[in-house]
Structures are given as C-alpha cells and as structure tokens.
Amino acid sequence: MECQTCGRNAVGEGLVEGARVPLCERCSGYADEFSYYAPPKTARKAAALPAKAVRVSREIADDYGKTISRARDKRGMTRKELAAKLLIHENELASFEEGRIKPSETLAKKLEFALGIKLFEEIEEAGKKGAAESAAAPKKAGGVSLADILEIKKR
C-alpha cells in the first residue's frame, strides 16, 4: 500500500482530518492516532509424512508392436498413412510394429495420441536402493563391485 500523503510505501494507518488513511513513517506525524501494520503471519506447514520408498517408472509395454498394428488396422489406416501422419518413414513404423525397434518416448506418445492406445505401463519398484545408495553402503567388505552399481533389467 502507498502513503496517501506522499506516495511512499505505507507502514501503518493514521487518523488524518477524521479519515483513516495509510501513511508512511515520515507522514505519520500528521496523524492524530497512528498504528503500525502488524507483521505478516507466516503460516506453519503441517509436518510432512515420511516419503515411501516407492519409485514409479514408465516403460513401453512388451507387446507394443502388436498393439500398434491392431490399432492401426482397427482405424483402417495403412502403414504409409500413419507414418505420414507421424512424420516418420514407413520402414520405421514397420520396425515398431514388428517389435524390432522400440519407439522413443516422444514417438510413443505421438502413437498413443494418433491411435488412441496405451503403450506405457507404470512399474512400481518398492524397497530397491538406487545406485548411489548401493555405492555408499556396500554389502561386502571388499568394496563396491560393478553388480552393486548397475541395475540389470530383466525381460
């Protein structure tokens, strides 16, 4: 708020000629009654609950090729039409449908939108330690091994 007399930042309110107006420190002398604004109250946040050790990651489903192929056929589109819509080569789309290449996350999202399908599945990993935690607290007395650091994906 600004002072009604001079325009500076107001620090309180005062009664000037019968009207209660915001005033700065300098102009507070003109007021019959002057009171400073109370400092703003800081709201206390409730104590946060401890976070669970659950990590959720999104991966492309194993049967992504069949899902893409079925959805494309269901919509009556050819590979060439769908590839043109996604701005990719027809051979690349064929590789996705045959399961030879996994689409990138961006392209998988485009496929989901264009065909109205779900290609991602959410995987919850509970209780696993990350690589940094494994390296910080090795289980063996001999130190950290390569297997302690790498997380091997199982298909």
C-alpha atoms as a PDB file:
ATOM      1  CA  MET A   1       0.000   0.000   0.000  1.00  0.00           C
ATOM      2  CA  GLU A   2       1.171   3.545  -0.506  1.00  0.00           C
ATOM      3  CA  CYS A   3       1.002   6.616   1.696  1.00  0.00           C
ATOM      4  CA  GLN A   4      -1.998   8.827   0.889  1.00  0.00           C
ATOM      5  CA  THR A   5       0.017  11.961   1.557  1.00  0.00           C
ATOM      6  CA  CYS A   6       3.313  11.472  -0.300  1.00  0.00           C
ATOM      7  CA  GLY A   7       3.026   8.166  -2.231  1.00  0.00           C
ATOM      8  CA  ARG A   8       5.788   6.203  -0.443  1.00  0.00           C
ATOM      9  CA  ASN A   9       5.280   2.703   0.976  1.00  0.00           C
ATOM     10  CA  ALA A  10       2.843   2.872   3.898  1.00  0.00           C
ATOM     11  CA  VAL A  11       3.911   1.363   7.220  1.00  0.00           C
ATOM     12  CA  GLY A  12       0.681   1.925   9.133  1.00  0.00           C
ATOM     13  CA  GLU A  13      -2.645   3.719   9.351  1.00  0.00           C
ATOM     14  CA  GLY A  14      -3.473   7.052  10.919  1.00  0.00           C
ATOM     15  CA  LEU A  15      -6.434   9.327  11.523  1.00  0.00           C
ATOM     16  CA  VAL A  16      -5.949  12.489   9.445  1.00  0.00           C
ATOM     17  CA  GLU A  17      -8.778  15.102   9.487  1.00  0.00           C
ATOM     18  CA  GLY A  18     -11.286  12.412  10.528  1.00  0.00           C
ATOM     19  CA  ALA A  19     -10.316   9.821   7.891  1.00  0.00           C
ATOM     20  CA  ARG A  20      -8.278   6.662   8.495  1.00  0.00           C
ATOM     21  CA  VAL A  21      -5.621   6.548   5.765  1.00  0.00           C
ATOM     22  CA  PRO A  22      -2.403   4.579   5.098  1.00  0.00           C
ATOM     23  CA  LEU A  23       0.714   6.619   5.930  1.00  0.00           C
ATOM     24  CA  CYS A  24       4.485   6.263   5.644  1.00  0.00           C
ATOM     25  CA  GLU A  25       6.937   6.774   8.515  1.00  0.00           C
ATOM     26  CA  ARG A  26       7.530  10.409   7.554  1.00  0.00           C
ATOM     27  CA  CYS A  27       3.861  11.378   7.294  1.00  0.00           C
ATOM     28  CA  SER A  28       2.813   9.533  10.458  1.00  0.00           C
ATOM     29  CA  GLY A  29       3.418  12.811  12.349  1.00  0.00           C
ATOM     30  CA  TYR A  30       0.390  14.401  10.652  1.00  0.00           C
ATOM     31  CA  ALA A  31      -1.966  11.790  12.122  1.00  0.00           C
ATOM     32  CA  ASP A  32      -3.876  12.213  15.405  1.00  0.00           C
ATOM     33  CA  GLU A  33      -3.813   8.445  16.018  1.00  0.00           C
ATOM     34  CA  PHE A  34      -1.248   6.256  14.247  1.00  0.00           C
ATOM     35  CA  SER A  35      -0.785   2.494  14.399  1.00  0.00           C
ATOM     36  CA  TYR A  36       1.781   0.370  12.583  1.00  0.00           C
ATOM     37  CA  TYR A  37       0.686  -2.546  10.441  1.00  0.00           C
ATOM     38  CA  ALA A  38       1.164  -5.929  12.083  1.00  0.00           C
ATOM     39  CA  PRO A  39       3.933  -8.019  10.518  1.00  0.00           C
ATOM     40  CA  PRO A  40       2.544 -10.681   8.176  1.00  0.00           C
ATOM     41  CA  LYS A  41       1.901 -14.004   9.830  1.00  0.00           C
ATOM     42  CA  THR A  42       3.763 -16.939   8.414  1.00  0.00           C
ATOM     43  CA  ALA A  43       1.602 -19.989   8.104  1.00  0.00           C
ATOM     44  CA  ARG A  44       3.133 -23.113   9.544  1.00  0.00           C
ATOM     45  CA  LYS A  45       3.136 -26.073   7.287  1.00  0.00           C
ATOM     46  CA  ALA A  46       1.961 -29.352   8.684  1.00  0.00           C
ATOM     47  CA  ALA A  47       4.742 -31.809   9.290  1.00  0.00           C
ATOM     48  CA  ALA A  48       5.295 -33.803   6.141  1.00  0.00           C
ATOM     49  CA  LEU A  49       4.848 -37.520   6.338  1.00  0.00           C
ATOM     50  CA  PRO A  50       7.940 -39.513   5.502  1.00  0.00           C
ATOM     51  CA  ALA A  51       8.059 -40.448   1.852  1.00  0.00           C
ATOM     52  CA  LYS A  52       7.612 -44.079   0.977  1.00  0.00           C
ATOM     53  CA  ALA A  53      10.431 -45.790  -0.807  1.00  0.00           C
ATOM     54  CA  VAL A  54       8.332 -46.423  -3.904  1.00  0.00           C
ATOM     55  CA  ARG A  55       9.670 -45.393  -7.252  1.00  0.00           C
ATOM     56  CA  VAL A  56       7.320 -45.345 -10.224  1.00  0.00           C
ATOM     57  CA  SER A  57       8.744 -45.533 -13.701  1.00  0.00           C
ATOM     58  CA  ARG A  58       7.069 -45.693 -17.084  1.00  0.00           C
ATOM     59  CA  GLU A  59       8.192 -48.191 -19.679  1.00  0.00           C
ATOM     60  CA  ILE A  60       6.852 -49.172 -23.049  1.00  0.00           C
ATOM     61  CA  ALA A  61       4.831 -52.383 -22.786  1.00  0.00           C
ATOM     62  CA  ASP A  62       6.350 -55.602 -24.102  1.00  0.00           C
ATOM     63  CA  ASP A  63       3.613 -56.150 -26.709  1.00  0.00           C
ATOM     64  CA  TYR A  64       3.878 -52.642 -28.170  1.00  0.00           C
ATOM     65  CA  GLY A  65       4.244 -53.902 -31.761  1.00  0.00           C
ATOM     66  CA  LYS A  66       1.012 -55.910 -31.749  1.00  0.00           C
ATOM     67  CA  THR A  67      -0.815 -53.064 -30.013  1.00  0.00           C
ATOM     68  CA  ILE A  68       0.266 -50.540 -32.662  1.00  0.00           C
ATOM     69  CA  SER A  69      -0.546 -52.897 -35.525  1.00  0.00           C
ATOM     70  CA  ARG A  70      -4.013 -53.804 -34.177  1.00  0.00           C
ATOM     71  CA  ALA A  71      -4.935 -50.171 -33.518  1.00  0.00           C
ATOM     72  CA  ARG A  72      -3.786 -49.098 -36.982  1.00  0.00           C
ATOM     73  CA  ASP A  73      -5.802 -51.885 -38.626  1.00  0.00           C
ATOM     74  CA  LYS A  74      -8.830 -51.046 -36.466  1.00  0.00           C
ATOM     75  CA  ARG A  75      -8.731 -47.451 -37.723  1.00  0.00           C
ATOM     76  CA  GLY A  76      -8.416 -48.658 -41.328  1.00  0.00           C
ATOM     77  CA  MET A  77      -5.085 -46.930 -41.919  1.00  0.00           C
ATOM     78  CA  THR A  78      -2.173 -48.182 -43.951  1.00  0.00           C
ATOM     79  CA  ARG A  79       1.378 -48.024 -42.674  1.00  0.00           C
ATOM     80  CA  LYS A  80       2.092 -45.311 -45.193  1.00  0.00           C
ATOM     81  CA  GLU A  81      -0.826 -43.138 -43.979  1.00  0.00           C
ATOM     82  CA  LEU A  82       0.090 -43.492 -40.300  1.00  0.00           C
ATOM     83  CA  ALA A  83       3.783 -42.847 -40.991  1.00  0.00           C
ATOM     84  CA  ALA A  84       2.878 -39.667 -42.889  1.00  0.00           C
ATOM     85  CA  LYS A  85       0.666 -38.541 -40.008  1.00  0.00           C
ATOM     86  CA  LEU A  86       3.514 -39.094 -37.512  1.00  0.00           C
ATOM     87  CA  LEU A  87       6.128 -37.579 -39.858  1.00  0.00           C
ATOM     88  CA  ILE A  88       8.296 -40.722 -39.861  1.00  0.00           C
ATOM     89  CA  HIS A  89       9.361 -43.223 -42.533  1.00  0.00           C
ATOM     90  CA  GLU A  90       7.168 -46.201 -43.313  1.00  0.00           C
ATOM     91  CA  ASN A  91      10.101 -48.572 -42.632  1.00  0.00           C
ATOM     92  CA  GLU A  92      10.489 -47.138 -39.134  1.00  0.00           C
ATOM     93  CA  LEU A  93       6.792 -47.765 -38.407  1.00  0.00           C
ATOM     94  CA  ALA A  94       7.154 -51.315 -39.753  1.00  0.00           C
ATOM     95  CA  SER A  95      10.070 -51.885 -37.369  1.00  0.00           C
ATOM     96  CA  PHE A  96       7.937 -50.722 -34.452  1.00  0.00           C
ATOM     97  CA  GLU A  97       5.051 -52.995 -35.419  1.00  0.00           C
ATOM     98  CA  GLU A  98       7.335 -55.994 -35.851  1.00  0.00           C
ATOM     99  CA  GLY A  99       8.974 -55.350 -32.489  1.00  0.00           C
ATOM    100  CA  ARG A 100      12.490 -54.885 -33.840  1.00  0.00           C
ATOM    101  CA  ILE A 101      12.845 -51.304 -32.556  1.00  0.00           C
ATOM    102  CA  LYS A 102      11.228 -49.643 -29.547  1.00  0.00           C
ATOM    103  CA  PRO A 103       9.901 -46.160 -30.284  1.00  0.00           C
ATOM    104  CA  SER A 104      11.339 -43.219 -28.361  1.00  0.00           C
ATOM    105  CA  GLU A 105       9.235 -41.783 -25.552  1.00  0.00           C
ATOM    106  CA  THR A 106       8.222 -38.812 -27.723  1.00  0.00           C
ATOM    107  CA  LEU A 107       7.228 -41.005 -30.641  1.00  0.00           C
ATOM    108  CA  ALA A 108       5.395 -43.434 -28.352  1.00  0.00           C
ATOM    109  CA  LYS A 109       3.322 -40.516 -27.028  1.00  0.00           C
ATOM    110  CA  LYS A 110       2.527 -39.498 -30.613  1.00  0.00           C
ATOM    111  CA  LEU A 111       1.466 -43.064 -31.407  1.00  0.00           C
ATOM    112  CA  GLU A 112      -0.735 -43.157 -28.301  1.00  0.00           C
ATOM    113  CA  PHE A 113      -2.440 -39.930 -29.315  1.00  0.00           C
ATOM    114  CA  ALA A 114      -2.838 -40.803 -33.014  1.00  0.00           C
ATOM    115  CA  LEU A 115      -4.214 -44.295 -32.394  1.00  0.00           C
ATOM    116  CA  GLY A 116      -5.957 -43.799 -29.046  1.00  0.00           C
ATOM    117  CA  ILE A 117      -3.973 -46.551 -27.318  1.00  0.00           C
ATOM    118  CA  LYS A 118      -1.793 -47.009 -24.228  1.00  0.00           C
ATOM    119  CA  LEU A 119       1.804 -48.047 -24.884  1.00  0.00           C
ATOM    120  CA  PHE A 120       3.298 -47.169 -21.489  1.00  0.00           C
ATOM    121  CA  GLU A 121       2.910 -49.233 -18.362  1.00  0.00           C
ATOM    122  CA  GLU A 122       3.781 -47.930 -14.914  1.00  0.00           C
ATOM    123  CA  ILE A 123       6.133 -50.068 -12.883  1.00  0.00           C
ATOM    124  CA  GLU A 124       6.391 -49.607  -9.117  1.00  0.00           C
ATOM    125  CA  GLU A 125       9.698 -50.531  -7.588  1.00  0.00           C
ATOM    126  CA  ALA A 126       9.403 -50.692  -3.812  1.00  0.00           C
ATOM    127  CA  GLY A 127      12.291 -51.089  -1.427  1.00  0.00           C
ATOM    128  CA  LYS A 128      15.052 -51.073  -4.038  1.00  0.00           C
ATOM    129  CA  LYS A 129      18.121 -48.996  -3.386  1.00  0.00           C
ATOM    130  CA  GLY A 130      19.398 -46.642  -6.052  1.00  0.00           C
ATOM    131  CA  ALA A 131      22.914 -46.892  -7.409  1.00  0.00           C
ATOM    132  CA  ALA A 132      24.117 -44.044  -5.203  1.00  0.00           C
ATOM    133  CA  GLU A 133      22.789 -45.699  -2.071  1.00  0.00           C
ATOM    134  CA  SER A 134      24.300 -49.032  -3.064  1.00  0.00           C
ATOM    135  CA  ALA A 135      27.670 -47.433  -3.628  1.00  0.00           C
ATOM    136  CA  ALA A 136      27.514 -45.607  -0.304  1.00  0.00           C
ATOM    137  CA  ALA A 137      26.753 -48.728   1.714  1.00  0.00           C
ATOM    138  CA  PRO A 138      28.367 -51.790   0.129  1.00  0.00           C
ATOM    139  CA  LYS A 139      27.288 -55.152   1.470  1.00  0.00           C
ATOM    140  CA  LYS A 140      30.642 -56.859   1.003  1.00  0.00           C
ATOM    141  CA  ALA A 141      33.763 -55.992   2.937  1.00  0.00           C
ATOM    142  CA  GLY A 142      35.764 -55.979  -0.304  1.00  0.00           C
ATOM    143  CA  GLY A 143      34.151 -52.739  -1.556  1.00  0.00           C
ATOM    144  CA  VAL A 144      31.773 -51.890  -4.355  1.00  0.00           C
ATOM    145  CA  SER A 145      31.513 -54.214  -7.325  1.00  0.00           C
ATOM    146  CA  LEU A 146      30.111 -53.476 -10.759  1.00  0.00           C
ATOM    147  CA  ALA A 147      26.991 -55.515  -9.933  1.00  0.00           C
ATOM    148  CA  ASP A 148      26.349 -53.292  -6.902  1.00  0.00           C
ATOM    149  CA  ILE A 149      26.224 -50.221  -9.113  1.00  0.00           C
ATOM    150  CA  LEU A 150      24.381 -51.481 -12.181  1.00  0.00           C
ATOM    151  CA  GLU A 151      20.748 -52.398 -12.118  1.00  0.00           C
ATOM    152  CA  ILE A 152      20.132 -55.213 -14.564  1.00  0.00           C
ATOM    153  CA  LYS A 153      16.857 -55.140 -16.469  1.00  0.00           C
ATOM    154  CA  LYS A 154      15.144 -58.474 -16.813  1.00  0.00           C
ATOM    155  CA  ARG A 155      12.915 -59.107 -19.783  1.00  0.00           C
END
